Amino acid sequence: MAALNRAHAMALIDASLGTQTLTASTGAIKCRLYTVVGTAAATGTEVTSGSYVSQPVTFNASTNADPPVATSSVLASYTGMPACTVVAVELWDSAGTPKRLWWGLLAASKVLNAGDTFQIASGSLTCSLA
């Protein structure tokens, strides 16, 4: 993943400096696929149609590397995709009004035909503050 959503980054900074309390993410973390990449402040254009639905992902605890990195611990599989080109992913929580947490470009865009399956292998999603 490339970066934190701006609101989430501000909440982490403020919580670490004691100016506010961090609210934990609600429910499962969902990985959404995008045809247009977003920015730190705005979401991209999410895939629509076909049988596409965002998929839950879990993560291993961050490593004691420099910088620390957390990696996904499950295969995310999206079946019955519409014809599209996936260029980015975003991680959202599952609150009643979901919060966007992380966003980033894929290492390489993926062109899909209608009905294709798109998969993100376990360990392929990474989150780091560096």
N, C-alpha and C. Protein backbone atom coordinates (compact mmCIF):
# COMPACT_ATOMS: atom_id res chain seq x y z
N MET A 1 0.85 -1.17 0.00
CA MET A 1 0.00 0.00 0.00
C MET A 1 0.89 1.23 0.00
N ALA A 2 0.42 2.24 -0.61
CA ALA A 2 1.25 3.43 -0.70
C ALA A 2 1.09 4.38 0.47
N ALA A 3 -0.13 4.57 0.96
CA ALA A 3 -0.29 5.64 1.94
C ALA A 3 -1.55 5.47 2.77
N LEU A 4 -1.56 6.18 3.87
CA LEU A 4 -2.75 6.26 4.71
C LEU A 4 -3.70 7.31 4.14
N ASN A 5 -4.98 7.08 4.32
CA ASN A 5 -5.97 8.10 4.05
C ASN A 5 -5.64 9.30 4.96
N ARG A 6 -5.80 10.50 4.48
CA ARG A 6 -5.40 11.70 5.23
C ARG A 6 -6.07 11.78 6.60
N ALA A 7 -7.36 11.54 6.68
CA ALA A 7 -8.07 11.63 7.97
C ALA A 7 -7.53 10.59 8.96
N HIS A 8 -7.25 9.38 8.47
CA HIS A 8 -6.72 8.33 9.34
C HIS A 8 -5.29 8.67 9.78
N ALA A 9 -4.49 9.21 8.88
CA ALA A 9 -3.12 9.61 9.23
C ALA A 9 -3.14 10.69 10.31
N MET A 10 -4.03 11.67 10.16
CA MET A 10 -4.13 12.74 11.16
C MET A 10 -4.55 12.17 12.51
N ALA A 11 -5.49 11.21 12.50
CA ALA A 11 -5.94 10.59 13.76
C ALA A 11 -4.80 9.84 14.44
N LEU A 12 -3.97 9.13 13.66
CA LEU A 12 -2.83 8.42 14.24
C LEU A 12 -1.81 9.38 14.85
N ILE A 13 -1.51 10.44 14.14
CA ILE A 13 -0.55 11.43 14.65
C ILE A 13 -1.09 12.05 15.93
N ASP A 14 -2.33 12.50 15.89
CA ASP A 14 -2.92 13.14 17.07
C ASP A 14 -2.97 12.20 18.26
N ALA A 15 -3.33 10.94 18.04
CA ALA A 15 -3.38 9.97 19.14
C ALA A 15 -1.99 9.72 19.71
N SER A 16 -0.98 9.64 18.84
CA SER A 16 0.38 9.37 19.34
C SER A 16 0.93 10.55 20.14
N LEU A 17 0.40 11.75 19.90
CA LEU A 17 0.85 12.95 20.61
C LEU A 17 -0.08 13.35 21.75
N GLY A 18 -1.12 12.53 21.97
CA GLY A 18 -2.00 12.75 23.10
C GLY A 18 -3.04 13.84 22.92
N THR A 19 -3.26 14.31 21.70
CA THR A 19 -4.25 15.36 21.49
C THR A 19 -5.65 14.82 21.19
N GLN A 20 -5.76 13.52 20.96
CA GLN A 20 -7.07 12.88 20.80
C GLN A 20 -6.92 11.39 21.03
N THR A 21 -8.03 10.72 21.22
CA THR A 21 -8.04 9.27 21.39
C THR A 21 -8.33 8.62 20.05
N LEU A 22 -7.55 7.63 19.69
CA LEU A 22 -7.75 6.93 18.42
C LEU A 22 -8.93 5.97 18.55
N THR A 23 -9.84 6.03 17.59
CA THR A 23 -10.97 5.11 17.53
C THR A 23 -10.56 3.93 16.66
N ALA A 24 -10.66 2.74 17.20
CA ALA A 24 -10.27 1.55 16.45
C ALA A 24 -11.18 1.34 15.24
N SER A 25 -10.65 0.66 14.25
CA SER A 25 -11.45 0.30 13.07
C SER A 25 -12.58 -0.62 13.50
N THR A 26 -13.70 -0.52 12.81
CA THR A 26 -14.89 -1.29 13.15
C THR A 26 -15.05 -2.46 12.19
N GLY A 27 -15.20 -3.67 12.74
CA GLY A 27 -15.48 -4.84 11.92
C GLY A 27 -14.32 -5.24 11.03
N ALA A 28 -14.63 -6.09 10.07
CA ALA A 28 -13.62 -6.61 9.15
C ALA A 28 -13.05 -5.49 8.28
N ILE A 29 -11.77 -5.62 7.94
CA ILE A 29 -11.16 -4.72 6.97
C ILE A 29 -11.48 -5.28 5.59
N LYS A 30 -12.00 -4.44 4.69
CA LYS A 30 -12.38 -4.86 3.35
C LYS A 30 -11.44 -4.24 2.32
N CYS A 31 -11.04 -5.05 1.35
CA CYS A 31 -10.19 -4.57 0.26
C CYS A 31 -11.07 -4.31 -0.95
N ARG A 32 -11.07 -3.06 -1.41
CA ARG A 32 -11.84 -2.66 -2.58
C ARG A 32 -10.89 -2.47 -3.76
N LEU A 33 -11.38 -2.74 -4.96
CA LEU A 33 -10.58 -2.60 -6.18
C LEU A 33 -11.00 -1.33 -6.94
N TYR A 34 -10.02 -0.69 -7.58
CA TYR A 34 -10.27 0.60 -8.23
C TYR A 34 -9.74 0.65 -9.66
N THR A 35 -10.50 1.34 -10.51
CA THR A 35 -10.09 1.55 -11.90
C THR A 35 -9.41 2.90 -12.07
N VAL A 36 -9.59 3.79 -11.11
CA VAL A 36 -8.91 5.08 -11.06
C VAL A 36 -8.39 5.24 -9.63
N VAL A 37 -7.11 5.55 -9.49
CA VAL A 37 -6.50 5.68 -8.16
C VAL A 37 -6.97 6.96 -7.48
N GLY A 38 -7.13 6.88 -6.16
CA GLY A 38 -7.49 8.05 -5.37
C GLY A 38 -6.26 8.80 -4.92
N THR A 39 -6.47 9.66 -3.95
CA THR A 39 -5.39 10.42 -3.32
C THR A 39 -5.52 10.26 -1.82
N ALA A 40 -4.64 10.89 -1.08
CA ALA A 40 -4.73 10.83 0.38
C ALA A 40 -6.05 11.41 0.88
N ALA A 41 -6.61 12.36 0.14
CA ALA A 41 -7.82 13.04 0.58
C ALA A 41 -9.10 12.54 -0.08
N ALA A 42 -9.00 11.81 -1.19
CA ALA A 42 -10.21 11.43 -1.93
C ALA A 42 -10.11 10.01 -2.46
N THR A 43 -11.22 9.30 -2.41
CA THR A 43 -11.27 7.94 -2.92
C THR A 43 -11.17 7.93 -4.44
N GLY A 44 -10.76 6.80 -5.00
CA GLY A 44 -10.70 6.63 -6.44
C GLY A 44 -12.05 6.20 -6.99
N THR A 45 -12.04 5.57 -8.17
CA THR A 45 -13.26 5.05 -8.79
C THR A 45 -13.29 3.55 -8.60
N GLU A 46 -14.21 3.08 -7.78
CA GLU A 46 -14.30 1.65 -7.46
C GLU A 46 -14.89 0.86 -8.61
N VAL A 47 -14.44 -0.38 -8.76
CA VAL A 47 -15.00 -1.31 -9.73
C VAL A 47 -16.49 -1.47 -9.43
N THR A 48 -17.30 -1.57 -10.46
CA THR A 48 -18.73 -1.82 -10.30
C THR A 48 -19.14 -2.88 -11.32
N SER A 49 -20.26 -3.47 -11.10
CA SER A 49 -20.93 -4.46 -11.96
C SER A 49 -20.26 -5.83 -11.89
N GLY A 50 -20.71 -6.71 -12.75
CA GLY A 50 -20.29 -8.09 -12.65
C GLY A 50 -20.71 -8.62 -11.29
N SER A 51 -19.97 -9.57 -10.75
CA SER A 51 -20.24 -10.10 -9.41
C SER A 51 -19.30 -9.49 -8.37
N TYR A 52 -18.63 -8.40 -8.75
CA TYR A 52 -17.64 -7.77 -7.86
C TYR A 52 -18.25 -7.35 -6.54
N VAL A 53 -17.60 -7.74 -5.45
CA VAL A 53 -17.85 -7.22 -4.10
C VAL A 53 -16.51 -7.13 -3.39
N SER A 54 -16.37 -6.13 -2.52
CA SER A 54 -15.12 -6.01 -1.77
C SER A 54 -14.93 -7.28 -0.93
N GLN A 55 -13.68 -7.59 -0.63
CA GLN A 55 -13.35 -8.82 0.10
C GLN A 55 -12.70 -8.52 1.44
N PRO A 56 -13.05 -9.31 2.47
CA PRO A 56 -12.40 -9.11 3.76
C PRO A 56 -10.94 -9.57 3.70
N VAL A 57 -10.07 -8.83 4.39
CA VAL A 57 -8.67 -9.22 4.49
C VAL A 57 -8.24 -9.11 5.95
N THR A 58 -7.32 -9.97 6.32
CA THR A 58 -6.71 -9.90 7.65
C THR A 58 -5.22 -9.71 7.46
N PHE A 59 -4.57 -9.24 8.52
CA PHE A 59 -3.15 -8.92 8.44
C PHE A 59 -2.39 -9.57 9.59
N ASN A 60 -1.14 -9.93 9.31
CA ASN A 60 -0.23 -10.36 10.36
C ASN A 60 0.19 -9.12 11.14
N ALA A 61 0.61 -9.30 12.37
CA ALA A 61 1.13 -8.17 13.15
C ALA A 61 2.36 -7.61 12.41
N SER A 62 2.59 -6.32 12.57
CA SER A 62 3.72 -5.70 11.88
C SER A 62 5.04 -6.30 12.35
N THR A 63 6.00 -6.32 11.44
CA THR A 63 7.32 -6.87 11.73
C THR A 63 8.19 -5.82 12.40
N ASN A 64 9.26 -6.26 13.01
CA ASN A 64 10.22 -5.36 13.64
C ASN A 64 11.30 -4.99 12.64
N ALA A 65 10.88 -4.72 11.42
CA ALA A 65 11.81 -4.34 10.35
C ALA A 65 11.96 -2.82 10.36
N ASP A 66 12.80 -2.31 9.50
CA ASP A 66 12.96 -0.87 9.36
C ASP A 66 12.62 -0.48 7.94
N PRO A 67 11.44 0.01 7.66
CA PRO A 67 10.36 0.35 8.58
C PRO A 67 9.50 -0.88 8.89
N PRO A 68 8.73 -0.82 10.00
CA PRO A 68 7.81 -1.92 10.28
C PRO A 68 6.79 -2.08 9.15
N VAL A 69 6.44 -3.33 8.85
CA VAL A 69 5.51 -3.63 7.77
C VAL A 69 4.53 -4.69 8.24
N ALA A 70 3.24 -4.48 7.94
CA ALA A 70 2.22 -5.49 8.18
C ALA A 70 1.82 -6.06 6.82
N THR A 71 1.70 -7.38 6.73
CA THR A 71 1.34 -8.02 5.45
C THR A 71 0.04 -8.79 5.61
N SER A 72 -0.69 -8.88 4.49
CA SER A 72 -1.95 -9.61 4.50
C SER A 72 -1.71 -11.08 4.78
N SER A 73 -2.69 -11.71 5.42
CA SER A 73 -2.52 -13.11 5.81
C SER A 73 -3.53 -14.04 5.14
N VAL A 74 -4.28 -13.53 4.16
CA VAL A 74 -5.27 -14.36 3.46
C VAL A 74 -5.27 -14.04 1.97
N LEU A 75 -5.73 -14.99 1.18
CA LEU A 75 -5.96 -14.79 -0.25
C LEU A 75 -7.27 -14.02 -0.40
N ALA A 76 -7.27 -12.95 -1.16
CA ALA A 76 -8.50 -12.22 -1.49
C ALA A 76 -8.85 -12.58 -2.92
N SER A 77 -10.03 -13.15 -3.14
CA SER A 77 -10.44 -13.62 -4.46
C SER A 77 -11.74 -12.94 -4.88
N TYR A 78 -11.71 -12.31 -6.04
CA TYR A 78 -12.86 -11.59 -6.59
C TYR A 78 -13.30 -12.33 -7.85
N THR A 79 -14.45 -12.97 -7.80
CA THR A 79 -14.91 -13.77 -8.94
C THR A 79 -15.94 -12.99 -9.75
N GLY A 80 -16.13 -13.41 -10.99
CA GLY A 80 -17.14 -12.80 -11.85
C GLY A 80 -16.92 -11.32 -12.08
N MET A 81 -15.66 -10.93 -12.27
CA MET A 81 -15.33 -9.52 -12.46
C MET A 81 -15.89 -8.99 -13.77
N PRO A 82 -16.19 -7.69 -13.82
CA PRO A 82 -16.56 -7.08 -15.10
C PRO A 82 -15.30 -6.81 -15.92
N ALA A 83 -15.45 -6.52 -17.20
CA ALA A 83 -14.31 -6.11 -18.01
C ALA A 83 -13.84 -4.76 -17.49
N CYS A 84 -12.58 -4.68 -17.07
CA CYS A 84 -12.04 -3.43 -16.52
C CYS A 84 -10.54 -3.58 -16.37
N THR A 85 -9.90 -2.48 -16.01
CA THR A 85 -8.48 -2.50 -15.66
C THR A 85 -8.35 -2.04 -14.22
N VAL A 86 -7.88 -2.93 -13.36
CA VAL A 86 -7.70 -2.61 -11.94
C VAL A 86 -6.32 -1.99 -11.78
N VAL A 87 -6.29 -0.79 -11.18
CA VAL A 87 -5.02 -0.07 -11.03
C VAL A 87 -4.64 0.16 -9.57
N ALA A 88 -5.63 0.05 -8.66
CA ALA A 88 -5.36 0.40 -7.27
C ALA A 88 -6.29 -0.37 -6.33
N VAL A 89 -5.92 -0.36 -5.05
CA VAL A 89 -6.76 -0.94 -4.01
C VAL A 89 -6.89 0.06 -2.87
N GLU A 90 -7.96 -0.09 -2.10
CA GLU A 90 -8.15 0.69 -0.90
C GLU A 90 -8.65 -0.24 0.19
N LEU A 91 -8.24 0.02 1.43
CA LEU A 91 -8.70 -0.74 2.59
C LEU A 91 -9.67 0.12 3.38
N TRP A 92 -10.84 -0.44 3.67
CA TRP A 92 -11.91 0.24 4.41
C TRP A 92 -12.31 -0.62 5.58
N ASP A 93 -12.80 0.00 6.66
CA ASP A 93 -13.36 -0.80 7.74
C ASP A 93 -14.81 -1.13 7.39
N SER A 94 -15.52 -1.78 8.30
CA SER A 94 -16.89 -2.23 8.03
C SER A 94 -17.91 -1.52 8.91
N ALA A 95 -17.62 -0.31 9.32
CA ALA A 95 -18.57 0.46 10.13
C ALA A 95 -19.84 0.72 9.33
N GLY A 96 -20.91 1.15 10.00
CA GLY A 96 -22.16 1.51 9.31
C GLY A 96 -21.89 2.52 8.21
N THR A 97 -21.04 3.48 8.49
CA THR A 97 -20.49 4.37 7.47
C THR A 97 -19.01 4.04 7.41
N PRO A 98 -18.61 3.19 6.45
CA PRO A 98 -17.22 2.71 6.42
C PRO A 98 -16.20 3.85 6.32
N LYS A 99 -15.05 3.64 7.00
CA LYS A 99 -13.95 4.60 6.95
C LYS A 99 -12.86 4.05 6.04
N ARG A 100 -12.36 4.91 5.17
CA ARG A 100 -11.25 4.58 4.29
C ARG A 100 -9.96 4.71 5.10
N LEU A 101 -9.13 3.66 5.10
CA LEU A 101 -7.93 3.63 5.92
C LEU A 101 -6.65 3.77 5.11
N TRP A 102 -6.47 2.93 4.10
CA TRP A 102 -5.25 2.89 3.30
C TRP A 102 -5.61 2.89 1.82
N TRP A 103 -4.69 3.33 0.98
CA TRP A 103 -4.90 3.32 -0.46
C TRP A 103 -3.55 3.17 -1.15
N GLY A 104 -3.54 2.63 -2.37
CA GLY A 104 -2.29 2.53 -3.12
C GLY A 104 -2.46 1.88 -4.46
N LEU A 105 -1.49 2.14 -5.31
CA LEU A 105 -1.44 1.55 -6.65
C LEU A 105 -1.00 0.11 -6.60
N LEU A 106 -1.45 -0.69 -7.56
CA LEU A 106 -0.92 -2.03 -7.73
C LEU A 106 0.48 -1.91 -8.33
N ALA A 107 1.31 -2.91 -8.11
CA ALA A 107 2.65 -2.92 -8.72
C ALA A 107 2.53 -2.89 -10.25
N ALA A 108 1.48 -3.52 -10.77
CA ALA A 108 1.19 -3.51 -12.22
C ALA A 108 -0.32 -3.56 -12.39
N SER A 109 -0.85 -2.74 -13.28
CA SER A 109 -2.28 -2.77 -13.58
C SER A 109 -2.66 -4.14 -14.11
N LYS A 110 -3.92 -4.52 -13.90
CA LYS A 110 -4.40 -5.82 -14.36
C LYS A 110 -5.65 -5.63 -15.22
N VAL A 111 -5.54 -6.01 -16.50
CA VAL A 111 -6.66 -5.96 -17.43
C VAL A 111 -7.48 -7.24 -17.26
N LEU A 112 -8.78 -7.08 -17.02
CA LEU A 112 -9.66 -8.23 -16.81
C LEU A 112 -10.76 -8.26 -17.86
N ASN A 113 -11.12 -9.46 -18.26
CA ASN A 113 -12.26 -9.67 -19.14
C ASN A 113 -13.47 -9.99 -18.28
N ALA A 114 -14.66 -9.78 -18.81
CA ALA A 114 -15.88 -10.11 -18.08
C ALA A 114 -15.83 -11.57 -17.65
N GLY A 115 -16.12 -11.81 -16.36
CA GLY A 115 -16.14 -13.17 -15.83
C GLY A 115 -14.82 -13.63 -15.23
N ASP A 116 -13.74 -12.87 -15.42
CA ASP A 116 -12.44 -13.25 -14.86
C ASP A 116 -12.47 -13.24 -13.33
N THR A 117 -11.50 -13.92 -12.76
CA THR A 117 -11.26 -13.88 -11.32
C THR A 117 -9.98 -13.09 -11.08
N PHE A 118 -10.02 -12.17 -10.13
CA PHE A 118 -8.86 -11.37 -9.74
C PHE A 118 -8.48 -11.80 -8.33
N GLN A 119 -7.20 -12.09 -8.11
CA GLN A 119 -6.77 -12.53 -6.79
C GLN A 119 -5.59 -11.71 -6.29
N ILE A 120 -5.58 -11.51 -4.98
CA ILE A 120 -4.45 -10.88 -4.29
C ILE A 120 -3.92 -11.93 -3.32
N ALA A 121 -2.72 -12.41 -3.58
CA ALA A 121 -2.13 -13.50 -2.78
C ALA A 121 -1.88 -13.05 -1.34
N SER A 122 -1.94 -14.01 -0.44
CA SER A 122 -1.58 -13.77 0.95
C SER A 122 -0.16 -13.21 0.99
N GLY A 123 0.07 -12.17 1.76
CA GLY A 123 1.37 -11.56 1.86
C GLY A 123 1.62 -10.46 0.83
N SER A 124 0.70 -10.28 -0.12
CA SER A 124 0.91 -9.30 -1.19
C SER A 124 0.46 -7.90 -0.85
N LEU A 125 -0.45 -7.76 0.09
CA LEU A 125 -0.85 -6.43 0.54
C LEU A 125 0.06 -6.07 1.71
N THR A 126 0.71 -4.91 1.62
CA THR A 126 1.59 -4.50 2.70
C THR A 126 1.23 -3.08 3.15
N CYS A 127 1.33 -2.85 4.44
CA CYS A 127 1.06 -1.54 5.01
C CYS A 127 2.26 -1.14 5.86
N SER A 128 2.77 0.07 5.60
CA SER A 128 3.93 0.58 6.32
C SER A 128 3.82 2.09 6.45
N LEU A 129 4.37 2.64 7.50
CA LEU A 129 4.34 4.09 7.69
C LEU A 129 5.52 4.81 7.05
N ALA A 130 6.36 4.09 6.36
CA ALA A 130 7.51 4.74 5.72
C ALA A 130 7.21 5.06 4.28
